[in-house]
Amino acid sequence: MAKIFSVMVICVIVFSHQTSAEEIKGKALIQNVCNLSPNNKDLCVQILSSDPSKSPNADLTDLAIVALRVAAKNASAILTDVKMLIDDADLDPEIQQGLADCKETILDAESQLEDTIAALLVEADVDAQTWLKAALAAITTCDDSIPGNDDVLSVKSQMFRKLCNIVVVITKAMPTSRII
């Protein structure tokens, strides 16, 4: 009888700790998540705190979506710069072709970020991670398609990677029961 009681007490303790961990939201959750990203901690806190309507009571899915939306804005800014550069008649044809290729991959990345959000909303976390990896591969393809190093695009693509890596940290922190 004592053994059964001991097992029941242990189960209650474990379950209560699991439940309380899942209930952490908002600022405390942002701090916990960003501590898992020591190289980008300040950026992580800044980005995840940036949505006044979601951040104060955000769960992991909300935080991932906040970061994905910022990453999508960053991708749009890269796309705007690429479109502007393509129109420069003084550019070497090889660079113009690289920019055209980059434009296509950035359009893909934007779509993949939207697919990541959709997957998170239906708790298909493995799919979300797949789409996120595809978006990261797209930005690498963009960088590789442009000969030389354009500072504006390089800085924005580095930021895109950092933003996506924040989402990677968040998805890895999601309960394994969500990963199907």
N, C-alpha and C. Protein backbone atom coordinates (compact mmCIF):
# COMPACT_ATOMS: atom_id res chain seq x y z
N MET A 1 0.82 -1.18 0.00
CA MET A 1 0.00 0.00 0.00
C MET A 1 0.87 1.25 0.00
N ALA A 2 1.95 1.23 0.77
CA ALA A 2 2.84 2.39 0.85
C ALA A 2 3.52 2.64 -0.50
N LYS A 3 3.85 1.55 -1.21
CA LYS A 3 4.48 1.70 -2.52
C LYS A 3 3.53 2.37 -3.51
N ILE A 4 2.28 1.96 -3.50
CA ILE A 4 1.29 2.56 -4.40
C ILE A 4 1.14 4.04 -4.08
N PHE A 5 1.06 4.36 -2.80
CA PHE A 5 0.93 5.76 -2.40
C PHE A 5 2.14 6.56 -2.85
N SER A 6 3.34 6.00 -2.70
CA SER A 6 4.57 6.69 -3.12
C SER A 6 4.57 6.94 -4.62
N VAL A 7 4.16 5.96 -5.39
CA VAL A 7 4.10 6.10 -6.84
C VAL A 7 3.10 7.19 -7.21
N MET A 8 1.96 7.21 -6.54
CA MET A 8 0.94 8.22 -6.83
C MET A 8 1.46 9.62 -6.51
N VAL A 9 2.17 9.77 -5.40
CA VAL A 9 2.73 11.07 -5.02
C VAL A 9 3.74 11.53 -6.06
N ILE A 10 4.60 10.63 -6.50
CA ILE A 10 5.59 10.97 -7.52
C ILE A 10 4.90 11.39 -8.81
N CYS A 11 3.87 10.67 -9.21
CA CYS A 11 3.13 11.03 -10.44
C CYS A 11 2.50 12.41 -10.32
N VAL A 12 1.92 12.71 -9.17
CA VAL A 12 1.30 14.02 -8.97
C VAL A 12 2.35 15.12 -9.03
N ILE A 13 3.50 14.90 -8.42
CA ILE A 13 4.57 15.90 -8.44
C ILE A 13 5.07 16.12 -9.86
N VAL A 14 5.33 15.06 -10.59
CA VAL A 14 5.82 15.18 -11.97
C VAL A 14 4.78 15.89 -12.83
N PHE A 15 3.52 15.50 -12.70
CA PHE A 15 2.46 16.12 -13.51
C PHE A 15 2.31 17.60 -13.18
N SER A 16 2.40 17.96 -11.91
CA SER A 16 2.24 19.37 -11.54
C SER A 16 3.40 20.21 -12.07
N HIS A 17 4.61 19.67 -12.07
CA HIS A 17 5.75 20.40 -12.63
C HIS A 17 5.59 20.56 -14.14
N GLN A 18 5.13 19.54 -14.81
CA GLN A 18 4.93 19.62 -16.26
C GLN A 18 3.86 20.65 -16.59
N THR A 19 2.78 20.65 -15.85
CA THR A 19 1.70 21.60 -16.09
C THR A 19 2.17 23.03 -15.85
N SER A 20 2.89 23.26 -14.76
CA SER A 20 3.34 24.63 -14.48
C SER A 20 4.35 25.10 -15.51
N ALA A 21 5.16 24.20 -16.03
CA ALA A 21 6.13 24.59 -17.06
C ALA A 21 5.41 25.00 -18.34
N GLU A 22 4.33 24.31 -18.65
CA GLU A 22 3.59 24.64 -19.86
C GLU A 22 2.81 25.94 -19.72
N GLU A 23 2.56 26.38 -18.47
CA GLU A 23 1.77 27.58 -18.24
C GLU A 23 2.60 28.85 -18.26
N ILE A 24 3.90 28.76 -18.31
CA ILE A 24 4.75 29.95 -18.37
C ILE A 24 4.44 30.67 -19.66
N LYS A 25 4.17 31.96 -19.55
CA LYS A 25 3.82 32.75 -20.73
C LYS A 25 4.46 34.12 -20.64
N GLY A 26 4.37 34.85 -21.73
CA GLY A 26 4.79 36.24 -21.74
C GLY A 26 6.27 36.45 -21.48
N LYS A 27 6.57 37.46 -20.64
CA LYS A 27 7.96 37.85 -20.39
C LYS A 27 8.81 36.71 -19.86
N ALA A 28 8.26 35.94 -18.93
CA ALA A 28 9.03 34.83 -18.36
C ALA A 28 9.38 33.80 -19.44
N LEU A 29 8.42 33.51 -20.30
CA LEU A 29 8.68 32.55 -21.38
C LEU A 29 9.68 33.12 -22.37
N ILE A 30 9.55 34.40 -22.68
CA ILE A 30 10.51 35.05 -23.59
C ILE A 30 11.92 34.93 -23.02
N GLN A 31 12.09 35.20 -21.74
CA GLN A 31 13.41 35.08 -21.11
C GLN A 31 13.92 33.64 -21.18
N ASN A 32 13.05 32.69 -20.86
CA ASN A 32 13.46 31.28 -20.90
C ASN A 32 13.89 30.86 -22.30
N VAL A 33 13.11 31.24 -23.30
CA VAL A 33 13.43 30.88 -24.68
C VAL A 33 14.72 31.55 -25.12
N CYS A 34 14.85 32.84 -24.83
CA CYS A 34 16.02 33.58 -25.29
C CYS A 34 17.30 33.15 -24.58
N ASN A 35 17.18 32.59 -23.39
CA ASN A 35 18.35 32.03 -22.71
C ASN A 35 18.89 30.82 -23.48
N LEU A 36 18.05 30.19 -24.29
CA LEU A 36 18.47 29.06 -25.12
C LEU A 36 19.19 29.51 -26.38
N SER A 37 19.21 30.82 -26.61
CA SER A 37 19.84 31.41 -27.79
C SER A 37 20.89 32.43 -27.34
N PRO A 38 21.97 31.97 -26.67
CA PRO A 38 22.91 32.91 -26.06
C PRO A 38 23.60 33.86 -27.05
N ASN A 39 23.81 33.43 -28.28
CA ASN A 39 24.48 34.29 -29.26
C ASN A 39 23.59 35.42 -29.74
N ASN A 40 22.28 35.23 -29.65
CA ASN A 40 21.33 36.23 -30.13
C ASN A 40 20.33 36.62 -29.05
N LYS A 41 20.73 36.53 -27.78
CA LYS A 41 19.78 36.72 -26.68
C LYS A 41 19.10 38.09 -26.74
N ASP A 42 19.88 39.16 -26.90
CA ASP A 42 19.29 40.50 -26.91
C ASP A 42 18.34 40.67 -28.09
N LEU A 43 18.75 40.22 -29.26
CA LEU A 43 17.89 40.29 -30.43
C LEU A 43 16.62 39.47 -30.20
N CYS A 44 16.78 38.29 -29.64
CA CYS A 44 15.66 37.41 -29.36
C CYS A 44 14.64 38.11 -28.46
N VAL A 45 15.10 38.69 -27.36
CA VAL A 45 14.20 39.39 -26.44
C VAL A 45 13.51 40.55 -27.15
N GLN A 46 14.28 41.31 -27.92
CA GLN A 46 13.73 42.45 -28.64
C GLN A 46 12.63 42.01 -29.61
N ILE A 47 12.90 40.98 -30.39
CA ILE A 47 11.94 40.51 -31.40
C ILE A 47 10.71 39.91 -30.74
N LEU A 48 10.91 39.03 -29.77
CA LEU A 48 9.77 38.35 -29.17
C LEU A 48 8.91 39.28 -28.31
N SER A 49 9.47 40.40 -27.89
CA SER A 49 8.72 41.39 -27.11
C SER A 49 8.08 42.45 -27.99
N SER A 50 8.28 42.37 -29.28
CA SER A 50 7.90 43.45 -30.19
C SER A 50 6.41 43.54 -30.53
N ASP A 51 5.64 42.52 -30.23
CA ASP A 51 4.21 42.55 -30.55
C ASP A 51 3.40 42.82 -29.29
N PRO A 52 2.98 44.07 -29.09
CA PRO A 52 2.28 44.41 -27.84
C PRO A 52 0.96 43.67 -27.64
N SER A 53 0.36 43.19 -28.71
CA SER A 53 -0.90 42.47 -28.56
C SER A 53 -0.69 40.99 -28.21
N LYS A 54 0.42 40.41 -28.62
CA LYS A 54 0.66 38.98 -28.38
C LYS A 54 1.70 38.71 -27.28
N SER A 55 2.77 39.47 -27.26
CA SER A 55 3.91 39.17 -26.40
C SER A 55 3.58 39.04 -24.91
N PRO A 56 2.74 39.92 -24.32
CA PRO A 56 2.52 39.83 -22.87
C PRO A 56 1.96 38.50 -22.38
N ASN A 57 1.15 37.82 -23.17
CA ASN A 57 0.55 36.55 -22.76
C ASN A 57 0.90 35.41 -23.71
N ALA A 58 1.98 35.56 -24.43
CA ALA A 58 2.34 34.62 -25.49
C ALA A 58 2.75 33.26 -24.97
N ASP A 59 2.34 32.23 -25.72
CA ASP A 59 2.87 30.89 -25.51
C ASP A 59 3.93 30.66 -26.59
N LEU A 60 4.48 29.46 -26.66
CA LEU A 60 5.55 29.20 -27.63
C LEU A 60 5.10 29.40 -29.07
N THR A 61 3.89 28.96 -29.39
CA THR A 61 3.40 29.15 -30.76
C THR A 61 3.29 30.62 -31.10
N ASP A 62 2.73 31.40 -30.18
CA ASP A 62 2.61 32.85 -30.40
C ASP A 62 3.98 33.48 -30.63
N LEU A 63 4.96 33.09 -29.83
CA LEU A 63 6.31 33.66 -29.97
C LEU A 63 6.93 33.28 -31.31
N ALA A 64 6.73 32.04 -31.72
CA ALA A 64 7.26 31.62 -33.02
C ALA A 64 6.63 32.44 -34.14
N ILE A 65 5.34 32.69 -34.04
CA ILE A 65 4.64 33.47 -35.07
C ILE A 65 5.12 34.91 -35.07
N VAL A 66 5.34 35.49 -33.90
CA VAL A 66 5.88 36.86 -33.83
C VAL A 66 7.22 36.92 -34.57
N ALA A 67 8.11 35.98 -34.27
CA ALA A 67 9.43 35.97 -34.92
C ALA A 67 9.31 35.70 -36.42
N LEU A 68 8.40 34.83 -36.82
CA LEU A 68 8.21 34.54 -38.24
C LEU A 68 7.69 35.75 -39.00
N ARG A 69 6.83 36.51 -38.37
CA ARG A 69 6.31 37.72 -39.03
C ARG A 69 7.41 38.76 -39.21
N VAL A 70 8.29 38.88 -38.22
CA VAL A 70 9.43 39.80 -38.36
C VAL A 70 10.36 39.29 -39.46
N ALA A 71 10.59 37.98 -39.51
CA ALA A 71 11.42 37.40 -40.57
C ALA A 71 10.80 37.64 -41.95
N ALA A 72 9.48 37.55 -42.03
CA ALA A 72 8.79 37.80 -43.31
C ALA A 72 8.97 39.26 -43.75
N LYS A 73 8.91 40.19 -42.79
CA LYS A 73 9.15 41.60 -43.12
C LYS A 73 10.58 41.79 -43.62
N ASN A 74 11.51 41.09 -42.98
CA ASN A 74 12.91 41.15 -43.40
C ASN A 74 13.06 40.61 -44.82
N ALA A 75 12.40 39.49 -45.11
CA ALA A 75 12.46 38.91 -46.46
C ALA A 75 11.86 39.88 -47.48
N SER A 76 10.79 40.56 -47.11
CA SER A 76 10.18 41.55 -48.02
C SER A 76 11.14 42.70 -48.29
N ALA A 77 11.87 43.11 -47.25
CA ALA A 77 12.86 44.19 -47.43
C ALA A 77 13.99 43.74 -48.36
N ILE A 78 14.42 42.49 -48.21
CA ILE A 78 15.45 41.96 -49.11
C ILE A 78 14.91 41.95 -50.54
N LEU A 79 13.68 41.50 -50.70
CA LEU A 79 13.07 41.45 -52.03
C LEU A 79 12.98 42.84 -52.65
N THR A 80 12.61 43.84 -51.87
CA THR A 80 12.54 45.22 -52.36
C THR A 80 13.91 45.68 -52.84
N ASP A 81 14.95 45.40 -52.05
CA ASP A 81 16.31 45.79 -52.44
C ASP A 81 16.75 45.07 -53.72
N VAL A 82 16.44 43.79 -53.80
CA VAL A 82 16.82 43.01 -54.99
C VAL A 82 16.13 43.57 -56.23
N LYS A 83 14.84 43.86 -56.12
CA LYS A 83 14.10 44.42 -57.26
C LYS A 83 14.70 45.75 -57.70
N MET A 84 15.09 46.57 -56.73
CA MET A 84 15.68 47.86 -57.05
C MET A 84 17.03 47.68 -57.75
N LEU A 85 17.83 46.74 -57.26
CA LEU A 85 19.15 46.50 -57.85
C LEU A 85 19.05 45.91 -59.26
N ILE A 86 18.06 45.05 -59.48
CA ILE A 86 17.89 44.43 -60.80
C ILE A 86 17.70 45.49 -61.87
N ASP A 87 17.02 46.56 -61.52
CA ASP A 87 16.71 47.63 -62.49
C ASP A 87 17.90 48.51 -62.83
N ASP A 88 19.02 48.31 -62.16
CA ASP A 88 20.22 49.12 -62.44
C ASP A 88 20.85 48.65 -63.75
N ALA A 89 20.73 49.48 -64.77
CA ALA A 89 21.24 49.13 -66.11
C ALA A 89 22.76 49.04 -66.16
N ASP A 90 23.43 49.62 -65.19
CA ASP A 90 24.89 49.61 -65.17
C ASP A 90 25.48 48.31 -64.60
N LEU A 91 24.63 47.44 -64.08
CA LEU A 91 25.13 46.20 -63.49
C LEU A 91 25.55 45.20 -64.56
N ASP A 92 26.56 44.44 -64.22
CA ASP A 92 27.03 43.34 -65.06
C ASP A 92 25.88 42.34 -65.25
N PRO A 93 25.71 41.78 -66.45
CA PRO A 93 24.62 40.81 -66.69
C PRO A 93 24.66 39.61 -65.75
N GLU A 94 25.86 39.19 -65.36
CA GLU A 94 25.98 38.06 -64.44
C GLU A 94 25.36 38.41 -63.08
N ILE A 95 25.60 39.63 -62.62
CA ILE A 95 25.04 40.07 -61.35
C ILE A 95 23.52 40.21 -61.47
N GLN A 96 23.06 40.76 -62.59
CA GLN A 96 21.62 40.89 -62.79
C GLN A 96 20.94 39.52 -62.79
N GLN A 97 21.58 38.52 -63.41
CA GLN A 97 21.01 37.17 -63.40
C GLN A 97 20.99 36.61 -61.99
N GLY A 98 22.07 36.84 -61.24
CA GLY A 98 22.11 36.39 -59.85
C GLY A 98 21.01 37.04 -59.02
N LEU A 99 20.79 38.33 -59.25
CA LEU A 99 19.72 39.03 -58.54
C LEU A 99 18.34 38.47 -58.93
N ALA A 100 18.17 38.16 -60.21
CA ALA A 100 16.90 37.57 -60.66
C ALA A 100 16.67 36.21 -59.98
N ASP A 101 17.73 35.41 -59.90
CA ASP A 101 17.63 34.12 -59.21
C ASP A 101 17.32 34.33 -57.73
N CYS A 102 17.99 35.31 -57.13
CA CYS A 102 17.77 35.63 -55.72
C CYS A 102 16.31 36.03 -55.49
N LYS A 103 15.79 36.83 -56.39
CA LYS A 103 14.40 37.28 -56.29
C LYS A 103 13.45 36.09 -56.20
N GLU A 104 13.68 35.10 -57.04
CA GLU A 104 12.82 33.91 -57.04
C GLU A 104 12.94 33.14 -55.72
N THR A 105 14.15 33.00 -55.22
CA THR A 105 14.32 32.23 -53.98
C THR A 105 13.77 32.99 -52.77
N ILE A 106 13.83 34.31 -52.80
CA ILE A 106 13.25 35.10 -51.70
C ILE A 106 11.72 34.97 -51.73
N LEU A 107 11.14 34.98 -52.92
CA LEU A 107 9.70 34.75 -53.02
C LEU A 107 9.34 33.38 -52.43
N ASP A 108 10.18 32.38 -52.71
CA ASP A 108 9.98 31.05 -52.12
C ASP A 108 10.08 31.11 -50.60
N ALA A 109 11.08 31.83 -50.09
CA ALA A 109 11.28 31.93 -48.64
C ALA A 109 10.07 32.57 -47.97
N GLU A 110 9.53 33.62 -48.59
CA GLU A 110 8.34 34.26 -48.02
C GLU A 110 7.18 33.26 -47.93
N SER A 111 7.00 32.49 -48.97
CA SER A 111 5.94 31.48 -49.00
C SER A 111 6.19 30.41 -47.94
N GLN A 112 7.45 30.01 -47.79
CA GLN A 112 7.80 28.98 -46.81
C GLN A 112 7.59 29.48 -45.37
N LEU A 113 7.79 30.77 -45.14
CA LEU A 113 7.51 31.32 -43.81
C LEU A 113 6.01 31.27 -43.52
N GLU A 114 5.20 31.57 -44.51
CA GLU A 114 3.74 31.47 -44.35
C GLU A 114 3.33 30.02 -44.09
N ASP A 115 3.97 29.09 -44.79
CA ASP A 115 3.69 27.67 -44.57
C ASP A 115 4.11 27.24 -43.16
N THR A 116 5.20 27.82 -42.66
CA THR A 116 5.65 27.53 -41.30
C THR A 116 4.61 27.98 -40.29
N ILE A 117 4.09 29.19 -40.48
CA ILE A 117 3.04 29.70 -39.58
C ILE A 117 1.82 28.79 -39.62
N ALA A 118 1.39 28.42 -40.82
CA ALA A 118 0.22 27.55 -40.96
C ALA A 118 0.44 26.22 -40.25
N ALA A 119 1.62 25.65 -40.39
CA ALA A 119 1.92 24.37 -39.74
C ALA A 119 1.91 24.51 -38.22
N LEU A 120 2.45 25.60 -37.70
CA LEU A 120 2.44 25.81 -36.25
C LEU A 120 1.02 25.95 -35.71
N LEU A 121 0.17 26.61 -36.47
CA LEU A 121 -1.21 26.83 -36.01
C LEU A 121 -2.01 25.53 -35.90
N VAL A 122 -1.63 24.52 -36.68
CA VAL A 122 -2.30 23.22 -36.58
C VAL A 122 -1.45 22.21 -35.81
N GLU A 123 -0.43 22.72 -35.12
CA GLU A 123 0.46 21.91 -34.29
C GLU A 123 1.21 20.84 -35.06
N ALA A 124 1.50 21.10 -36.32
CA ALA A 124 2.31 20.20 -37.13
C ALA A 124 3.75 20.70 -37.07
N ASP A 125 4.36 20.53 -35.91
CA ASP A 125 5.67 21.13 -35.65
C ASP A 125 6.78 20.57 -36.52
N VAL A 126 6.71 19.30 -36.87
CA VAL A 126 7.72 18.73 -37.76
C VAL A 126 7.63 19.39 -39.13
N ASP A 127 6.41 19.60 -39.61
CA ASP A 127 6.23 20.31 -40.89
C ASP A 127 6.75 21.74 -40.78
N ALA A 128 6.49 22.37 -39.66
CA ALA A 128 6.97 23.75 -39.46
C ALA A 128 8.49 23.79 -39.54
N GLN A 129 9.14 22.84 -38.91
CA GLN A 129 10.60 22.80 -38.96
C GLN A 129 11.10 22.56 -40.38
N THR A 130 10.39 21.74 -41.14
CA THR A 130 10.76 21.47 -42.53
C THR A 130 10.66 22.74 -43.36
N TRP A 131 9.54 23.47 -43.23
CA TRP A 131 9.35 24.71 -43.99
C TRP A 131 10.38 25.76 -43.59
N LEU A 132 10.69 25.80 -42.31
CA LEU A 132 11.68 26.76 -41.82
C LEU A 132 13.06 26.46 -42.40
N LYS A 133 13.42 25.19 -42.43
CA LYS A 133 14.71 24.80 -43.04
C LYS A 133 14.74 25.18 -44.52
N ALA A 134 13.61 25.02 -45.20
CA ALA A 134 13.53 25.39 -46.62
C ALA A 134 13.73 26.89 -46.80
N ALA A 135 13.15 27.69 -45.91
CA ALA A 135 13.32 29.15 -45.98
C ALA A 135 14.78 29.52 -45.76
N LEU A 136 15.43 28.86 -44.81
CA LEU A 136 16.86 29.12 -44.57
C LEU A 136 17.70 28.70 -45.78
N ALA A 137 17.35 27.60 -46.41
CA ALA A 137 18.07 27.17 -47.61
C ALA A 137 17.87 28.17 -48.74
N ALA A 138 16.67 28.75 -48.82
CA ALA A 138 16.38 29.73 -49.88
C ALA A 138 17.27 30.97 -49.74
N ILE A 139 17.47 31.44 -48.52
CA ILE A 139 18.30 32.64 -48.35
C ILE A 139 19.75 32.32 -48.66
N THR A 140 20.19 31.11 -48.37
CA THR A 140 21.55 30.70 -48.72
C THR A 140 21.70 30.65 -50.24
N THR A 141 20.69 30.11 -50.92
CA THR A 141 20.71 30.06 -52.38
C THR A 141 20.76 31.47 -52.95
N CYS A 142 20.01 32.38 -52.36
CA CYS A 142 20.02 33.78 -52.81
C CYS A 142 21.43 34.35 -52.67
N ASP A 143 22.03 34.18 -51.51
CA ASP A 143 23.39 34.69 -51.29
C ASP A 143 24.38 34.10 -52.29
N ASP A 144 24.24 32.80 -52.53
CA ASP A 144 25.16 32.12 -53.43
C ASP A 144 24.97 32.52 -54.89
N SER A 145 23.79 33.01 -55.24
CA SER A 145 23.52 33.35 -56.64
C SER A 145 24.03 34.73 -57.04
N ILE A 146 24.44 35.51 -56.06
CA ILE A 146 24.93 36.86 -56.36
C ILE A 146 26.44 36.88 -56.20
N PRO A 147 27.16 37.12 -57.31
CA PRO A 147 28.62 37.19 -57.20
C PRO A 147 29.03 38.39 -56.35
N GLY A 148 30.07 38.21 -55.59
CA GLY A 148 30.55 39.30 -54.73
C GLY A 148 29.71 39.41 -53.47
N ASN A 149 29.96 40.47 -52.74
CA ASN A 149 29.25 40.69 -51.49
C ASN A 149 28.62 42.07 -51.49
N ASP A 150 27.31 42.13 -51.61
CA ASP A 150 26.60 43.40 -51.51
C ASP A 150 26.27 43.60 -50.03
N ASP A 151 26.77 44.67 -49.45
CA ASP A 151 26.61 44.88 -48.01
C ASP A 151 25.16 44.92 -47.56
N VAL A 152 24.30 45.61 -48.29
CA VAL A 152 22.90 45.73 -47.89
C VAL A 152 22.23 44.36 -47.85
N LEU A 153 22.40 43.60 -48.90
CA LEU A 153 21.78 42.27 -48.95
C LEU A 153 22.40 41.31 -47.94
N SER A 154 23.71 41.40 -47.76
CA SER A 154 24.40 40.51 -46.81
C SER A 154 23.91 40.75 -45.39
N VAL A 155 23.79 42.01 -45.00
CA VAL A 155 23.34 42.34 -43.64
C VAL A 155 21.91 41.85 -43.44
N LYS A 156 21.05 42.09 -44.42
CA LYS A 156 19.65 41.67 -44.28
C LYS A 156 19.51 40.15 -44.31
N SER A 157 20.33 39.47 -45.10
CA SER A 157 20.22 38.01 -45.13
C SER A 157 20.76 37.40 -43.82
N GLN A 158 21.79 38.03 -43.23
CA GLN A 158 22.27 37.57 -41.92
C GLN A 158 21.18 37.74 -40.87
N MET A 159 20.47 38.87 -40.93
CA MET A 159 19.38 39.11 -39.98
C MET A 159 18.27 38.08 -40.19
N PHE A 160 17.97 37.77 -41.45
CA PHE A 160 16.95 36.76 -41.76
C PHE A 160 17.32 35.43 -41.10
N ARG A 161 18.58 35.04 -41.22
CA ARG A 161 19.04 33.78 -40.60
C ARG A 161 18.87 33.82 -39.09
N LYS A 162 19.26 34.95 -38.48
CA LYS A 162 19.13 35.07 -37.02
C LYS A 162 17.67 34.95 -36.59
N LEU A 163 16.78 35.60 -37.32
CA LEU A 163 15.36 35.54 -36.99
C LEU A 163 14.82 34.12 -37.13
N CYS A 164 15.20 33.45 -38.20
CA CYS A 164 14.76 32.06 -38.39
C CYS A 164 15.35 31.15 -37.33
N ASN A 165 16.58 31.41 -36.92
CA ASN A 165 17.20 30.59 -35.88
C ASN A 165 16.53 30.78 -34.53
N ILE A 166 15.96 31.96 -34.28
CA ILE A 166 15.17 32.16 -33.06
C ILE A 166 13.95 31.24 -33.11
N VAL A 167 13.33 31.13 -34.27
CA VAL A 167 12.17 30.24 -34.43
C VAL A 167 12.59 28.78 -34.25
N VAL A 168 13.77 28.43 -34.74
CA VAL A 168 14.28 27.06 -34.54
C VAL A 168 14.38 26.76 -33.05
N VAL A 169 14.92 27.70 -32.28
CA VAL A 169 15.04 27.52 -30.82
C VAL A 169 13.66 27.33 -30.20
N ILE A 170 12.70 28.14 -30.63
CA ILE A 170 11.34 28.04 -30.08
C ILE A 170 10.73 26.68 -30.41
N THR A 171 10.84 26.24 -31.66
CA THR A 171 10.21 24.96 -32.02
C THR A 171 10.88 23.79 -31.30
N LYS A 172 12.16 23.91 -31.02
CA LYS A 172 12.83 22.85 -30.25
C LYS A 172 12.38 22.84 -28.80
N ALA A 173 11.90 24.00 -28.30
CA ALA A 173 11.43 24.09 -26.91
C ALA A 173 9.99 23.62 -26.76
N MET A 174 9.30 23.40 -27.87
CA MET A 174 7.90 22.96 -27.80
C MET A 174 7.83 21.55 -27.23
N PRO A 175 6.76 21.27 -26.50
CA PRO A 175 6.62 19.93 -25.92
C PRO A 175 6.67 18.86 -27.01
N THR A 176 7.33 17.77 -26.70
CA THR A 176 7.45 16.70 -27.69
C THR A 176 6.10 16.09 -28.02
N SER A 177 5.12 16.26 -27.16
CA SER A 177 3.78 15.73 -27.46
C SER A 177 3.15 16.45 -28.64
N ARG A 178 3.63 17.68 -28.95
CA ARG A 178 3.10 18.42 -30.10
C ARG A 178 3.71 17.94 -31.39
N ILE A 179 4.90 17.37 -31.33
CA ILE A 179 5.60 16.96 -32.54
C ILE A 179 5.04 15.62 -32.99
N ILE A 180 4.43 15.66 -34.14
CA ILE A 180 3.72 14.47 -34.64
C ILE A 180 4.61 13.68 -35.57
